[in-house]
């Protein structure tokens, strides 16, 4: 019980923040994982703009159908 109380005491601000706002960082973690996968699968980019364009392409939900 003492161990659990210490964990709660250390993370009390984060727990209260979640209870007040009901927001987690799951979306951010998901986007970060996707961008890391893009970086790994490309075997590096020539410059930052190309990497940024690839992230926008894969995560942006663009509709490339010209109709």
N, C-alpha and C. Protein backbone atom coordinates (compact mmCIF):
# COMPACT_ATOMS: atom_id res chain seq x y z
N UNK A 1 0.82 -1.20 0.00
CA UNK A 1 0.00 0.00 0.00
C UNK A 1 0.86 1.26 0.00
N UNK A 2 1.96 1.22 0.70
CA UNK A 2 2.84 2.38 0.76
C UNK A 2 3.40 2.68 -0.62
N UNK A 3 3.76 1.63 -1.37
CA UNK A 3 4.30 1.81 -2.72
C UNK A 3 3.26 2.45 -3.63
N UNK A 4 2.03 1.98 -3.58
CA UNK A 4 0.95 2.52 -4.41
C UNK A 4 0.66 3.97 -4.03
N UNK A 5 0.68 4.27 -2.75
CA UNK A 5 0.44 5.65 -2.31
C UNK A 5 1.53 6.57 -2.84
N UNK A 6 2.77 6.09 -2.87
CA UNK A 6 3.87 6.90 -3.42
C UNK A 6 3.69 7.16 -4.89
N UNK A 7 3.25 6.16 -5.63
CA UNK A 7 3.01 6.32 -7.07
C UNK A 7 1.91 7.35 -7.30
N UNK A 8 0.82 7.24 -6.54
CA UNK A 8 -0.28 8.18 -6.69
C UNK A 8 0.16 9.59 -6.33
N UNK A 9 0.95 9.72 -5.27
CA UNK A 9 1.43 11.04 -4.87
C UNK A 9 2.31 11.66 -5.94
N UNK A 10 3.17 10.86 -6.56
CA UNK A 10 4.06 11.39 -7.60
C UNK A 10 3.31 11.80 -8.86
N UNK A 11 2.22 11.11 -9.15
CA UNK A 11 1.48 11.37 -10.39
C UNK A 11 0.14 12.07 -10.16
N UNK A 12 -0.04 12.65 -9.00
CA UNK A 12 -1.34 13.25 -8.66
C UNK A 12 -1.74 14.35 -9.62
N UNK A 13 -0.80 15.21 -10.03
CA UNK A 13 -1.15 16.28 -10.97
C UNK A 13 -1.68 15.73 -12.28
N UNK A 14 -1.03 14.69 -12.81
CA UNK A 14 -1.48 14.09 -14.08
C UNK A 14 -2.84 13.40 -13.92
N UNK A 15 -3.06 12.76 -12.79
CA UNK A 15 -4.34 12.09 -12.55
C UNK A 15 -5.46 13.12 -12.48
N UNK A 16 -5.24 14.19 -11.75
CA UNK A 16 -6.26 15.23 -11.64
C UNK A 16 -6.50 15.93 -12.98
N UNK A 17 -5.44 16.12 -13.75
CA UNK A 17 -5.58 16.72 -15.08
C UNK A 17 -6.45 15.85 -15.97
N UNK A 18 -6.24 14.54 -15.93
CA UNK A 18 -7.08 13.64 -16.74
C UNK A 18 -8.53 13.68 -16.26
N UNK A 19 -8.74 13.67 -14.96
CA UNK A 19 -10.11 13.67 -14.44
C UNK A 19 -10.84 14.97 -14.78
N UNK A 20 -10.12 16.07 -14.86
CA UNK A 20 -10.75 17.35 -15.20
C UNK A 20 -11.04 17.49 -16.69
N UNK A 21 -10.13 17.02 -17.53
CA UNK A 21 -10.24 17.29 -18.97
C UNK A 21 -10.56 16.06 -19.82
N UNK A 22 -10.36 14.87 -19.29
CA UNK A 22 -10.60 13.61 -20.02
C UNK A 22 -9.83 13.55 -21.34
N UNK A 23 -8.61 14.05 -21.32
CA UNK A 23 -7.77 14.04 -22.51
C UNK A 23 -6.49 13.28 -22.19
N UNK A 24 -6.10 12.40 -23.10
CA UNK A 24 -4.83 11.70 -22.96
C UNK A 24 -3.93 12.09 -24.13
N UNK A 25 -2.72 11.62 -24.10
CA UNK A 25 -1.79 11.90 -25.19
C UNK A 25 -1.71 10.75 -26.18
N UNK A 26 -2.74 9.92 -26.24
CA UNK A 26 -2.75 8.76 -27.13
C UNK A 26 -2.67 9.17 -28.60
N UNK A 27 -3.36 10.23 -28.98
CA UNK A 27 -3.34 10.68 -30.38
C UNK A 27 -1.94 11.15 -30.75
N UNK A 28 -1.32 11.90 -29.86
CA UNK A 28 0.03 12.38 -30.11
C UNK A 28 1.01 11.22 -30.23
N UNK A 29 0.88 10.25 -29.36
CA UNK A 29 1.76 9.08 -29.42
C UNK A 29 1.55 8.29 -30.71
N UNK A 30 0.30 8.21 -31.15
CA UNK A 30 0.01 7.52 -32.40
C UNK A 30 0.62 8.21 -33.61
N UNK A 31 0.50 9.54 -33.65
CA UNK A 31 1.10 10.29 -34.75
C UNK A 31 2.62 10.20 -34.72
N UNK A 32 3.19 10.20 -33.52
CA UNK A 32 4.64 10.07 -33.40
C UNK A 32 5.09 8.70 -33.89
N UNK A 33 4.36 7.66 -33.54
CA UNK A 33 4.72 6.32 -34.01
C UNK A 33 4.62 6.23 -35.53
N UNK A 34 3.60 6.85 -36.10
CA UNK A 34 3.43 6.85 -37.56
C UNK A 34 4.58 7.60 -38.24
N UNK A 35 4.97 8.76 -37.70
CA UNK A 35 6.06 9.52 -38.31
C UNK A 35 7.39 8.78 -38.16
N UNK A 36 7.59 8.07 -37.05
CA UNK A 36 8.81 7.27 -36.90
C UNK A 36 8.83 6.12 -37.89
N UNK A 37 7.66 5.54 -38.16
CA UNK A 37 7.58 4.46 -39.15
C UNK A 37 7.91 5.01 -40.55
N UNK A 38 7.40 6.20 -40.87
CA UNK A 38 7.69 6.82 -42.16
C UNK A 38 9.18 7.07 -42.29
N UNK A 39 9.78 7.57 -41.24
CA UNK A 39 11.22 7.85 -41.24
C UNK A 39 12.02 6.57 -41.43
N UNK A 40 11.62 5.50 -40.74
CA UNK A 40 12.34 4.23 -40.86
C UNK A 40 12.15 3.62 -42.24
N UNK A 41 10.93 3.62 -42.75
CA UNK A 41 10.65 2.96 -44.02
C UNK A 41 11.28 3.69 -45.20
N UNK A 42 11.55 4.97 -45.05
CA UNK A 42 12.13 5.73 -46.16
C UNK A 42 13.66 5.62 -46.20
N UNK A 43 14.26 5.14 -45.12
CA UNK A 43 15.72 5.05 -45.01
C UNK A 43 16.37 6.42 -45.13
N UNK A 44 15.73 7.40 -44.51
CA UNK A 44 16.20 8.78 -44.42
C UNK A 44 15.74 9.60 -45.62
N UNK A 45 15.61 10.87 -45.40
CA UNK A 45 15.19 11.80 -46.43
C UNK A 45 16.33 12.74 -46.77
N UNK A 46 16.26 13.34 -47.93
CA UNK A 46 17.31 14.28 -48.34
C UNK A 46 17.27 15.56 -47.53
N UNK A 47 16.06 16.03 -47.24
CA UNK A 47 15.94 17.25 -46.46
C UNK A 47 14.65 17.21 -45.63
N UNK A 48 14.51 18.18 -44.77
CA UNK A 48 13.40 18.22 -43.83
C UNK A 48 12.06 18.43 -44.53
N UNK A 49 12.05 19.18 -45.62
CA UNK A 49 10.79 19.45 -46.32
C UNK A 49 10.19 18.18 -46.91
N UNK A 50 11.03 17.30 -47.43
CA UNK A 50 10.51 16.04 -47.98
C UNK A 50 9.94 15.15 -46.88
N UNK A 51 10.60 15.13 -45.74
CA UNK A 51 10.10 14.35 -44.61
C UNK A 51 8.76 14.91 -44.14
N UNK A 52 8.66 16.22 -44.06
CA UNK A 52 7.42 16.86 -43.65
C UNK A 52 6.31 16.58 -44.66
N UNK A 53 6.62 16.61 -45.94
CA UNK A 53 5.62 16.31 -46.97
C UNK A 53 5.14 14.87 -46.87
N UNK A 54 6.05 13.94 -46.56
CA UNK A 54 5.66 12.54 -46.41
C UNK A 54 4.74 12.35 -45.21
N UNK A 55 5.01 13.05 -44.12
CA UNK A 55 4.15 12.96 -42.95
C UNK A 55 2.77 13.51 -43.27
N UNK A 56 2.72 14.67 -43.92
CA UNK A 56 1.42 15.23 -44.32
C UNK A 56 0.68 14.29 -45.26
N UNK A 57 1.40 13.65 -46.16
CA UNK A 57 0.78 12.75 -47.12
C UNK A 57 0.17 11.54 -46.40
N UNK A 58 0.90 10.94 -45.48
CA UNK A 58 0.43 9.72 -44.84
C UNK A 58 -0.54 9.98 -43.70
N UNK A 59 -0.42 11.10 -43.02
CA UNK A 59 -1.26 11.38 -41.85
C UNK A 59 -2.34 12.42 -42.11
N UNK A 60 -2.30 13.06 -43.25
CA UNK A 60 -3.20 14.17 -43.49
C UNK A 60 -4.59 13.79 -43.97
N UNK A 61 -4.77 12.56 -44.42
CA UNK A 61 -6.07 12.15 -44.88
C UNK A 61 -6.45 12.82 -46.19
N UNK A 62 -5.48 13.07 -47.05
CA UNK A 62 -5.76 13.73 -48.32
C UNK A 62 -6.48 12.78 -49.27
N UNK A 63 -7.40 13.33 -50.02
CA UNK A 63 -8.09 12.60 -51.05
C UNK A 63 -7.43 12.95 -52.39
N UNK A 64 -6.73 12.00 -52.98
CA UNK A 64 -5.99 12.27 -54.21
C UNK A 64 -6.78 11.93 -55.47
N UNK A 65 -8.03 11.56 -55.31
CA UNK A 65 -8.88 11.25 -56.46
C UNK A 65 -9.26 12.57 -57.16
N UNK A 66 -8.92 12.74 -58.45
CA UNK A 66 -9.15 14.03 -59.12
C UNK A 66 -10.61 14.30 -59.45
N UNK A 67 -11.50 13.38 -59.23
CA UNK A 67 -12.91 13.59 -59.60
C UNK A 67 -13.58 14.60 -58.77
